N, C-alpha and C. Protein backbone atom coordinates (compact mmCIF):
# COMPACT_ATOMS: atom_id res chain seq x y z
N UNK A 1 0.83 -0.98 0.09
CA UNK A 1 0.12 0.01 0.10
C UNK A 1 1.04 1.07 0.09
N UNK A 2 0.44 2.23 -0.67
CA UNK A 2 1.32 3.51 -1.16
C UNK A 2 0.86 4.23 0.14
N UNK A 3 1.44 4.78 1.20
CA UNK A 3 0.81 5.62 2.33
C UNK A 3 1.19 6.88 1.89
N UNK A 4 2.04 7.50 0.92
CA UNK A 4 2.71 8.57 0.46
C UNK A 4 1.62 9.87 0.09
N UNK A 5 0.27 8.94 -0.47
CA UNK A 5 -0.46 9.90 -0.96
C UNK A 5 -1.83 10.32 -0.47
N UNK A 6 -2.83 11.24 -0.69
CA UNK A 6 -3.68 11.59 0.21
C UNK A 6 -4.99 11.22 -0.63
N UNK A 7 -5.04 10.25 -1.69
CA UNK A 7 -5.73 10.07 -2.37
C UNK A 7 -6.12 8.22 -2.52
N UNK A 8 -5.91 7.82 -1.22
CA UNK A 8 -6.19 6.21 -1.24
C UNK A 8 -7.53 5.94 -1.49
N UNK A 9 -7.94 4.81 -2.03
CA UNK A 9 -9.02 4.55 -2.09
C UNK A 9 -9.60 4.27 -0.95
N UNK A 10 -11.13 4.14 -1.08
CA UNK A 10 -11.71 3.74 0.22
C UNK A 10 -11.63 2.12 0.56
N UNK A 11 -11.63 2.08 2.11
CA UNK A 11 -10.90 0.86 2.68
C UNK A 11 -12.10 -0.26 2.04
N UNK A 12 -11.37 -1.76 2.18
CA UNK A 12 -12.13 -2.82 1.59
C UNK A 12 -11.73 -3.82 2.36
N UNK A 13 -11.43 -3.46 3.77
CA UNK A 13 -11.12 -4.63 4.63
C UNK A 13 -12.33 -4.70 5.74
N UNK A 14 -12.02 -5.53 6.38
CA UNK A 14 -13.20 -5.70 7.64
C UNK A 14 -13.65 -4.32 8.43
N UNK A 15 -12.49 -3.32 8.36
CA UNK A 15 -12.72 -2.23 9.14
C UNK A 15 -13.48 -0.87 8.17
N UNK A 16 -13.80 -1.76 6.82
CA UNK A 16 -14.45 -0.54 5.83
C UNK A 16 -15.85 -0.27 6.60
N UNK A 17 -16.37 -0.90 7.21
CA UNK A 17 -17.85 -0.77 7.74
C UNK A 17 -17.91 0.67 8.54
N UNK A 18 -16.25 0.85 9.03
CA UNK A 18 -16.21 1.87 10.25
C UNK A 18 -16.69 3.10 9.58
N UNK A 19 -16.88 4.09 10.39
CA UNK A 19 -17.25 5.69 10.16
C UNK A 19 -15.86 6.21 9.55
N UNK A 20 -16.30 7.32 8.74
CA UNK A 20 -15.10 8.15 8.13
C UNK A 20 -14.27 8.50 8.93
N UNK A 21 -14.43 9.05 9.98
CA UNK A 21 -13.41 9.73 11.04
C UNK A 21 -12.42 8.27 11.53
N UNK A 22 -12.81 6.93 11.48
CA UNK A 22 -12.53 6.02 11.79
C UNK A 22 -11.20 5.55 10.77
N UNK A 23 -11.65 5.73 9.62
CA UNK A 23 -10.68 5.44 8.37
C UNK A 23 -9.81 6.74 8.18
N UNK A 24 -10.24 8.01 8.68
CA UNK A 24 -9.19 9.39 8.45
C UNK A 24 -8.08 8.73 9.74
N UNK A 25 -8.37 8.44 10.77
CA UNK A 25 -7.68 8.07 11.91
C UNK A 25 -6.64 7.13 11.34
N UNK A 26 -7.01 6.10 10.67
CA UNK A 26 -6.01 5.22 9.90
C UNK A 26 -5.00 5.57 9.01
N UNK A 27 -5.58 6.55 8.19
CA UNK A 27 -4.73 7.08 7.11
C UNK A 27 -4.04 8.18 7.93
N UNK A 28 -4.11 8.73 8.80
CA UNK A 28 -3.15 9.52 9.59
C UNK A 28 -2.09 8.72 10.26
N UNK A 29 -2.38 7.77 10.63
CA UNK A 29 -1.27 6.63 11.10
C UNK A 29 -0.72 6.61 10.09
N UNK A 30 -0.74 6.12 9.21
CA UNK A 30 0.00 5.37 7.88
C UNK A 30 0.72 6.71 7.56
N UNK A 31 0.38 8.05 7.46
CA UNK A 31 0.86 9.28 6.95
C UNK A 31 2.14 9.51 8.30
N UNK A 32 1.75 9.29 9.56
CA UNK A 32 3.04 9.39 10.21
C UNK A 32 3.78 8.74 10.65
N UNK A 33 3.84 7.36 10.11
CA UNK A 33 4.39 6.28 10.16
C UNK A 33 5.53 6.28 8.91
N UNK A 34 4.82 6.86 7.69
CA UNK A 34 5.48 6.87 6.66
C UNK A 34 6.39 8.17 6.83
N UNK A 35 6.19 9.16 7.36
CA UNK A 35 7.10 10.47 7.52
C UNK A 35 8.15 9.99 8.28
N UNK A 36 7.55 9.38 9.45
CA UNK A 36 9.02 8.81 10.34
C UNK A 36 10.10 7.95 9.80
N UNK A 37 9.73 6.75 8.88
CA UNK A 37 10.33 6.14 8.11
C UNK A 37 11.31 6.92 7.20
N UNK A 38 10.73 7.95 6.49
CA UNK A 38 11.38 8.54 5.35
C UNK A 38 12.36 9.64 6.46
N UNK A 39 12.32 10.00 7.05
CA UNK A 39 12.95 10.78 8.23
C UNK A 39 14.25 10.23 8.36
N UNK A 40 13.63 9.00 9.25
CA UNK A 40 14.55 8.07 9.85
C UNK A 40 15.79 7.55 8.89
N UNK A 41 15.33 7.10 7.79
CA UNK A 41 15.69 6.57 6.70
C UNK A 41 17.10 7.57 6.02
N UNK A 42 16.60 8.80 5.86
CA UNK A 42 17.59 9.99 5.40
C UNK A 42 18.42 10.24 6.64
N UNK A 43 18.13 10.52 7.72
CA UNK A 43 19.43 10.57 8.94
C UNK A 43 20.31 9.41 8.81
N UNK A 44 19.64 8.02 8.90
CA UNK A 44 20.56 7.10 9.11
C UNK A 44 21.71 7.20 8.06
N UNK A 45 21.39 7.39 6.78
CA UNK A 45 22.25 7.61 5.65
C UNK A 45 23.09 8.51 5.90
N UNK A 46 22.53 9.90 6.07
CA UNK A 46 23.68 10.57 6.45
C UNK A 46 24.52 10.42 7.47
N UNK A 47 24.05 9.88 8.74
CA UNK A 47 25.21 9.81 9.46
C UNK A 47 26.26 8.66 9.43
N UNK A 48 25.83 7.34 8.43
CA UNK A 48 26.58 6.58 7.76
C UNK A 48 27.75 7.24 6.63
N UNK A 49 27.25 8.11 5.87
CA UNK A 49 27.95 8.62 4.92
C UNK A 49 29.04 9.89 5.59
N UNK A 50 28.22 10.57 6.40
CA UNK A 50 29.17 11.94 6.81
C UNK A 50 30.16 11.23 8.01
N UNK A 51 29.75 10.58 8.85
CA UNK A 51 30.15 10.08 10.08
C UNK A 51 30.77 8.66 10.05
N UNK A 52 30.31 7.80 9.32
CA UNK A 52 30.57 6.35 9.49
C UNK A 52 30.16 5.82 10.80
N UNK A 53 28.96 6.21 11.19
CA UNK A 53 28.36 5.97 12.27
C UNK A 53 26.82 5.31 12.00
N UNK A 54 26.05 4.72 12.98
CA UNK A 54 24.76 4.37 12.90
C UNK A 54 24.07 5.15 13.74
N UNK A 55 22.64 4.98 13.45
CA UNK A 55 21.72 6.02 14.33
C UNK A 55 21.52 5.62 15.73
N UNK A 56 21.70 4.17 16.02
CA UNK A 56 21.77 3.47 17.50
C UNK A 56 22.76 3.97 18.25
N UNK A 57 24.03 4.22 17.64
CA UNK A 57 25.14 4.74 17.91
C UNK A 57 25.17 6.12 18.65
N UNK A 58 24.55 6.99 17.76
CA UNK A 58 24.13 8.38 17.45
C UNK A 58 23.45 8.23 18.71
N UNK A 59 22.30 7.41 19.15
CA UNK A 59 21.38 7.86 20.09
C UNK A 59 21.60 7.80 21.36
N UNK A 60 22.70 6.68 21.58
CA UNK A 60 23.34 6.21 22.68
C UNK A 60 24.20 7.35 23.09
N UNK A 61 25.02 7.91 22.23
CA UNK A 61 25.85 8.88 22.85
C UNK A 61 25.09 10.05 23.02
N UNK A 62 23.74 10.41 22.19
CA UNK A 62 22.91 11.57 22.60
C UNK A 62 22.49 11.37 24.16
N UNK A 63 22.21 10.30 24.45
CA UNK A 63 21.67 9.72 25.80
C UNK A 63 22.76 10.26 26.88
N UNK A 64 23.70 9.76 26.73
CA UNK A 64 25.08 9.83 27.69
C UNK A 64 25.35 11.12 27.51
N UNK A 65 25.03 12.42 26.42
CA UNK A 65 25.35 13.46 26.39
C UNK A 65 24.30 14.36 27.13
N UNK A 66 23.03 13.71 27.22
CA UNK A 66 22.17 14.45 28.13
C UNK A 66 22.41 14.41 29.46
N UNK A 67 22.99 13.30 29.64
CA UNK A 67 23.16 12.68 31.22
C UNK A 67 25.13 12.91 31.39
N UNK A 68 25.26 13.85 31.81
CA UNK A 68 27.14 13.58 32.05
C UNK A 68 27.21 12.90 33.36
N UNK A 69 26.22 12.65 34.27
CA UNK A 69 26.47 12.21 35.27
C UNK A 69 26.40 10.65 35.22
N UNK A 70 26.51 9.92 34.00
CA UNK A 70 26.36 9.14 33.78
C UNK A 70 25.14 8.25 33.57
N UNK A 71 24.91 7.14 33.09
CA UNK A 71 23.85 6.06 33.00
C UNK A 71 24.16 4.44 33.49
N UNK A 72 23.41 4.00 34.18
CA UNK A 72 23.75 2.57 34.28
C UNK A 72 22.74 1.69 32.73
N UNK A 73 23.37 0.71 32.72
CA UNK A 73 22.99 -0.14 31.49
C UNK A 73 21.59 -0.50 31.24
N UNK A 74 20.74 -0.50 32.29
CA UNK A 74 19.37 -0.68 32.70
C UNK A 74 18.78 0.55 32.02
N UNK A 75 19.28 1.71 32.41
CA UNK A 75 18.81 3.02 32.03
C UNK A 75 18.90 3.40 30.55
N UNK A 76 20.23 2.80 30.41
CA UNK A 76 20.16 3.50 29.03
C UNK A 76 19.38 2.55 27.84
N UNK A 77 19.27 1.16 28.39
CA UNK A 77 18.17 0.13 27.68
C UNK A 77 16.77 0.90 27.72
N UNK A 78 16.39 1.27 28.74
CA UNK A 78 14.90 1.82 28.95
C UNK A 78 14.94 3.18 27.86
N UNK A 79 15.79 3.85 28.13
CA UNK A 79 15.86 5.41 27.48
C UNK A 79 15.92 4.92 25.97
N UNK A 80 16.72 4.11 25.17
CA UNK A 80 16.53 3.78 23.80
C UNK A 80 15.76 2.83 23.50
N UNK A 81 14.70 2.15 24.36
CA UNK A 81 13.91 1.20 23.95
C UNK A 81 14.07 0.25 23.35
N UNK A 82 15.57 -0.40 23.79
CA UNK A 82 16.09 -1.63 23.27
C UNK A 82 16.52 -2.61 24.33
N UNK A 83 16.90 -3.77 23.78
CA UNK A 83 17.25 -4.87 24.62
C UNK A 83 18.37 -4.54 25.20
N UNK A 84 18.46 -5.13 26.84
CA UNK A 84 20.08 -4.91 27.45
C UNK A 84 21.14 -5.67 26.41
N UNK A 85 21.17 -6.29 25.57
CA UNK A 85 21.98 -7.09 25.15
C UNK A 85 22.29 -6.18 23.39
N UNK A 86 21.32 -5.30 23.30
CA UNK A 86 21.87 -4.38 21.90
C UNK A 86 22.59 -3.26 22.93
N UNK A 87 22.20 -2.87 24.06
CA UNK A 87 22.78 -1.98 24.66
C UNK A 87 24.39 -2.36 24.91
N UNK A 88 24.74 -3.38 25.35
CA UNK A 88 25.96 -4.06 26.04
C UNK A 88 26.94 -4.22 24.35
N UNK A 89 26.13 -4.40 23.56
CA UNK A 89 27.01 -4.68 22.29
C UNK A 89 27.50 -3.41 21.55
N UNK A 90 26.62 -2.18 21.25
CA UNK A 90 27.02 -0.88 21.09
C UNK A 90 28.05 -0.32 22.13
N UNK A 91 27.67 -0.50 23.66
CA UNK A 91 28.56 -0.29 24.56
C UNK A 91 30.37 -0.64 24.36
N UNK A 92 30.34 -2.09 24.29
CA UNK A 92 31.17 -2.52 23.99
C UNK A 92 32.12 -1.79 22.96
N UNK A 93 31.29 -1.81 21.62
CA UNK A 93 32.17 -1.49 20.44
C UNK A 93 32.53 0.37 20.63
N UNK A 94 31.86 1.05 21.44
CA UNK A 94 32.11 2.37 21.64
C UNK A 94 33.35 2.57 22.48
N UNK A 95 33.54 1.74 23.79
CA UNK A 95 34.39 1.57 24.68
C UNK A 95 35.61 1.21 24.05
N UNK A 96 35.71 0.52 23.01
CA UNK A 96 36.88 0.03 22.15
C UNK A 96 37.42 1.10 21.68
N UNK A 97 36.54 1.90 21.03
CA UNK A 97 36.94 3.12 20.10
C UNK A 97 37.13 4.34 20.97
N UNK A 98 37.20 4.42 22.17
CA UNK A 98 37.46 5.24 23.05
C UNK A 98 36.57 6.49 23.13
N UNK A 99 35.15 6.29 22.61
CA UNK A 99 34.20 7.10 22.42
C UNK A 99 33.47 7.16 24.15
N UNK A 100 33.52 6.02 24.64
CA UNK A 100 32.62 6.02 26.08
C UNK A 100 33.83 5.09 26.75
N UNK A 101 32.92 5.33 28.37
CA UNK A 101 33.87 4.46 29.14
C UNK A 101 32.83 4.10 30.40
N UNK A 102 33.49 2.94 30.69
CA UNK A 102 32.58 2.41 32.01
C UNK A 102 33.21 2.68 33.34
N UNK A 103 32.50 3.63 34.53
CA UNK A 103 32.78 3.51 35.74
C UNK A 103 32.34 2.60 36.64
N UNK A 104 33.20 2.32 37.72
CA UNK A 104 32.39 1.97 38.65
C UNK A 104 31.73 2.51 39.69
N UNK A 105 30.65 1.87 40.01
CA UNK A 105 30.07 2.49 40.92
C UNK A 105 30.35 2.35 42.60
N UNK A 106 30.76 3.46 42.96
CA UNK A 106 31.05 3.04 44.19
C UNK A 106 30.48 2.84 45.48
N UNK A 107 29.07 3.11 45.27
CA UNK A 107 28.00 2.78 46.22
C UNK A 107 27.41 1.09 45.85
N UNK A 108 28.00 0.60 44.71
CA UNK A 108 27.56 -0.68 44.34
C UNK A 108 28.54 -1.39 43.24
N UNK A 109 29.44 -2.27 44.16
CA UNK A 109 30.51 -2.96 43.33
C UNK A 109 30.29 -3.91 41.97
N UNK A 110 28.79 -3.88 41.94
CA UNK A 110 28.48 -5.23 40.88
C UNK A 110 27.81 -3.93 39.64
N UNK A 111 27.91 -2.62 40.04
CA UNK A 111 27.11 -1.83 38.95
C UNK A 111 28.33 -1.02 38.21
N UNK A 112 28.14 -0.51 37.20
CA UNK A 112 28.78 0.24 36.77
C UNK A 112 28.05 1.45 35.69
N UNK A 113 28.64 2.72 35.67
CA UNK A 113 27.71 3.92 34.61
C UNK A 113 28.82 4.13 33.56
N UNK A 114 28.00 4.36 32.61
CA UNK A 114 28.74 4.48 31.12
C UNK A 114 28.46 6.03 31.09
N UNK A 115 29.72 6.72 30.42
CA UNK A 115 30.11 8.03 30.25
C UNK A 115 30.56 8.14 28.86
N UNK A 116 30.53 9.25 28.48
CA UNK A 116 31.24 9.42 27.28
C UNK A 116 32.42 10.10 27.75
N UNK A 117 33.62 9.84 26.80
CA UNK A 117 35.02 10.23 26.85
C UNK A 117 35.03 11.63 26.54
N UNK A 118 36.47 12.30 26.75
CA UNK A 118 36.63 13.64 26.05
C UNK A 118 36.62 13.54 24.56
N UNK A 119 36.90 12.33 23.91
CA UNK A 119 37.11 12.18 22.27
C UNK A 119 35.60 12.01 21.88
N UNK A 120 34.65 11.51 22.86
CA UNK A 120 33.16 11.17 22.34
C UNK A 120 32.60 12.16 22.44
N UNK A 121 32.99 13.27 23.57
CA UNK A 121 32.12 14.59 23.73
C UNK A 121 32.40 15.25 22.08
N UNK A 122 33.78 15.56 22.21
CA UNK A 122 34.23 16.11 20.70
C UNK A 122 33.27 15.45 19.78
N UNK A 123 33.61 14.28 19.55
CA UNK A 123 32.94 13.93 18.06
C UNK A 123 31.21 13.77 18.40
N UNK A 124 30.61 13.50 19.36
CA UNK A 124 29.13 13.80 19.47
C UNK A 124 28.66 15.07 19.07
N UNK A 125 29.69 16.02 19.64
CA UNK A 125 29.21 17.56 19.52
C UNK A 125 29.02 17.90 18.01
N UNK A 126 30.27 17.19 17.24
CA UNK A 126 30.26 17.62 15.47
C UNK A 126 28.81 16.92 15.13
N UNK A 127 28.65 15.60 15.51
CA UNK A 127 27.54 14.82 14.84
C UNK A 127 26.46 15.52 15.29
N UNK A 128 26.02 16.12 16.49
CA UNK A 128 25.01 16.81 17.10
C UNK A 128 24.74 17.96 16.23
N UNK A 129 25.72 19.10 15.98
CA UNK A 129 25.33 19.95 15.11
C UNK A 129 25.23 19.68 13.70
N UNK A 130 25.68 18.64 13.03
CA UNK A 130 25.10 18.41 11.50
C UNK A 130 23.66 17.85 11.88
N UNK A 131 23.47 16.81 12.65
CA UNK A 131 22.01 16.43 12.72
C UNK A 131 21.01 17.02 12.78
N UNK A 132 21.47 18.40 13.49
CA UNK A 132 20.43 19.32 13.84
C UNK A 132 20.18 20.13 12.55
N UNK A 133 21.39 20.29 11.78
CA UNK A 133 21.26 20.90 10.47
C UNK A 133 20.16 19.97 9.54
N UNK A 134 20.42 18.91 9.58
CA UNK A 134 19.78 17.85 8.73
C UNK A 134 18.23 17.91 8.97
N UNK A 135 17.99 17.87 10.43
CA UNK A 135 16.44 17.73 10.55
C UNK A 135 15.93 19.08 10.24
N UNK A 136 16.32 20.37 10.20
CA UNK A 136 16.07 21.51 9.90
C UNK A 136 15.77 21.78 8.51
N UNK A 137 16.68 20.93 7.85
CA UNK A 137 16.31 20.89 6.32
C UNK A 137 15.47 20.00 5.69
N UNK A 138 15.12 18.93 6.59
CA UNK A 138 14.08 17.79 6.23
C UNK A 138 12.64 18.50 6.41
N UNK A 139 12.32 19.77 7.58
CA UNK A 139 11.34 19.97 7.80
C UNK A 139 11.28 21.71 6.89
N UNK A 140 12.02 21.83 5.94
CA UNK A 140 11.99 23.03 5.30
C UNK A 140 10.87 23.04 4.43
N UNK A 141 10.14 21.91 4.23
CA UNK A 141 8.97 21.66 3.53
C UNK A 141 7.87 22.69 3.91
N UNK A 142 8.03 22.86 5.28
CA UNK A 142 6.66 23.45 6.22
C UNK A 142 7.32 24.87 6.51
N UNK A 143 6.19 25.60 6.39
CA UNK A 143 6.51 26.99 6.99
C UNK A 143 6.86 27.24 8.39
N UNK A 144 7.20 28.15 9.13
CA UNK A 144 7.34 28.34 10.41
C UNK A 144 5.87 28.06 11.43
N UNK A 145 4.94 28.71 10.75
CA UNK A 145 3.46 28.33 11.25
C UNK A 145 3.01 26.96 11.19
N UNK A 146 3.40 26.79 10.35
CA UNK A 146 2.76 24.75 9.97
C UNK A 146 3.69 24.14 11.12
N UNK A 147 5.00 24.22 11.35
CA UNK A 147 5.99 23.55 12.09
C UNK A 147 5.12 23.87 13.43
N UNK A 148 5.03 24.93 13.82
CA UNK A 148 4.42 25.23 15.20
C UNK A 148 3.08 24.60 15.06
N UNK A 149 2.05 24.62 14.39
CA UNK A 149 1.07 24.12 14.65
C UNK A 149 1.21 22.45 14.66
N UNK A 150 2.04 21.87 13.76
CA UNK A 150 2.20 20.38 13.46
C UNK A 150 2.77 19.91 14.90
N UNK A 151 3.41 20.87 15.80
CA UNK A 151 4.17 20.42 17.04
C UNK A 151 3.22 20.71 17.82
N UNK A 152 2.30 21.55 17.81
CA UNK A 152 1.17 21.79 19.08
C UNK A 152 0.42 20.38 18.63
N UNK A 153 -0.16 20.18 17.37
CA UNK A 153 -1.32 18.85 17.39
C UNK A 153 -0.48 17.59 17.87
N UNK A 154 0.74 17.56 17.43
CA UNK A 154 1.60 16.02 17.79
C UNK A 154 1.73 16.24 19.49
N UNK A 155 1.85 17.10 20.05
CA UNK A 155 2.05 17.41 21.55
C UNK A 155 0.46 17.13 22.15
N UNK A 156 -0.77 17.08 21.32
CA UNK A 156 -1.78 16.94 22.12
C UNK A 156 -2.14 15.33 21.99
N UNK A 157 -1.64 15.05 20.78
CA UNK A 157 -1.70 13.52 20.62
C UNK A 157 -1.08 12.94 21.42
N UNK A 158 -0.13 13.44 21.78
CA UNK A 158 1.08 12.70 22.93
C UNK A 158 0.16 12.73 24.13
N UNK A 159 -0.12 13.74 24.38
CA UNK A 159 -0.53 13.93 25.89
C UNK A 159 -2.15 12.82 25.99
N UNK A 160 -2.64 12.94 24.77
CA UNK A 160 -3.93 12.05 24.60
C UNK A 160 -3.63 10.38 24.88
N UNK A 161 -2.55 10.07 24.29
CA UNK A 161 -1.64 8.70 24.56
C UNK A 161 -1.38 8.24 25.78
N UNK A 162 -0.72 9.29 26.31
CA UNK A 162 -0.15 9.10 27.55
C UNK A 162 -1.25 9.06 28.70
N UNK A 163 -2.35 9.34 28.42
CA UNK A 163 -3.72 9.24 29.26
C UNK A 163 -4.08 7.71 29.06
N UNK A 164 -3.94 7.22 28.35
CA UNK A 164 -4.65 5.83 27.90
C UNK A 164 -4.21 4.88 29.05
N UNK A 165 -5.00 3.73 29.43
CA UNK A 165 -4.70 3.11 30.48
C UNK A 165 -3.36 1.98 29.90
N UNK A 166 -2.79 1.12 30.52
CA UNK A 166 -1.62 0.29 29.84
C UNK A 166 -2.22 -0.62 29.37
N UNK A 167 -1.76 -1.37 28.31
CA UNK A 167 -2.29 -2.43 27.68
C UNK A 167 -2.23 -3.31 28.30
N UNK A 168 -3.10 -4.72 28.16
CA UNK A 168 -3.32 -5.72 28.87
C UNK A 168 -2.31 -6.69 28.58
């Protein structure tokens, strides 16, 4: 199904019996997903071409940049919304490259926290500046007021989704 057009034919699935607003909600979901995928794909490619890195590595370094006090592995896993095994693999490679380091937790001998090294801070600052420029360019197709309105509407959606009871 091509989710990039506004002229999708009427639904012919079991959901076709639903009201027009239900169908519009489905079309909106598909549009959001398509936009997300297009933006993420572009950013992945730009990070790979310009910095020979991946989006997961960038995201892990971004979390450490936001938390200069360091993060425990379980906290990184939660923030990145990936398994502990994924975080461990990423962390091991970034440690080998000298971009992050593990530090023992003085309050718990079994635990450690992860931090950006000075080299990691320098590299991340360069990547983050470029990343921000790319994101700005990706949204250039919208005017300033349209970006503000989209931000406000997505904020309202986020708030209503946050109020839903947890799934069973």
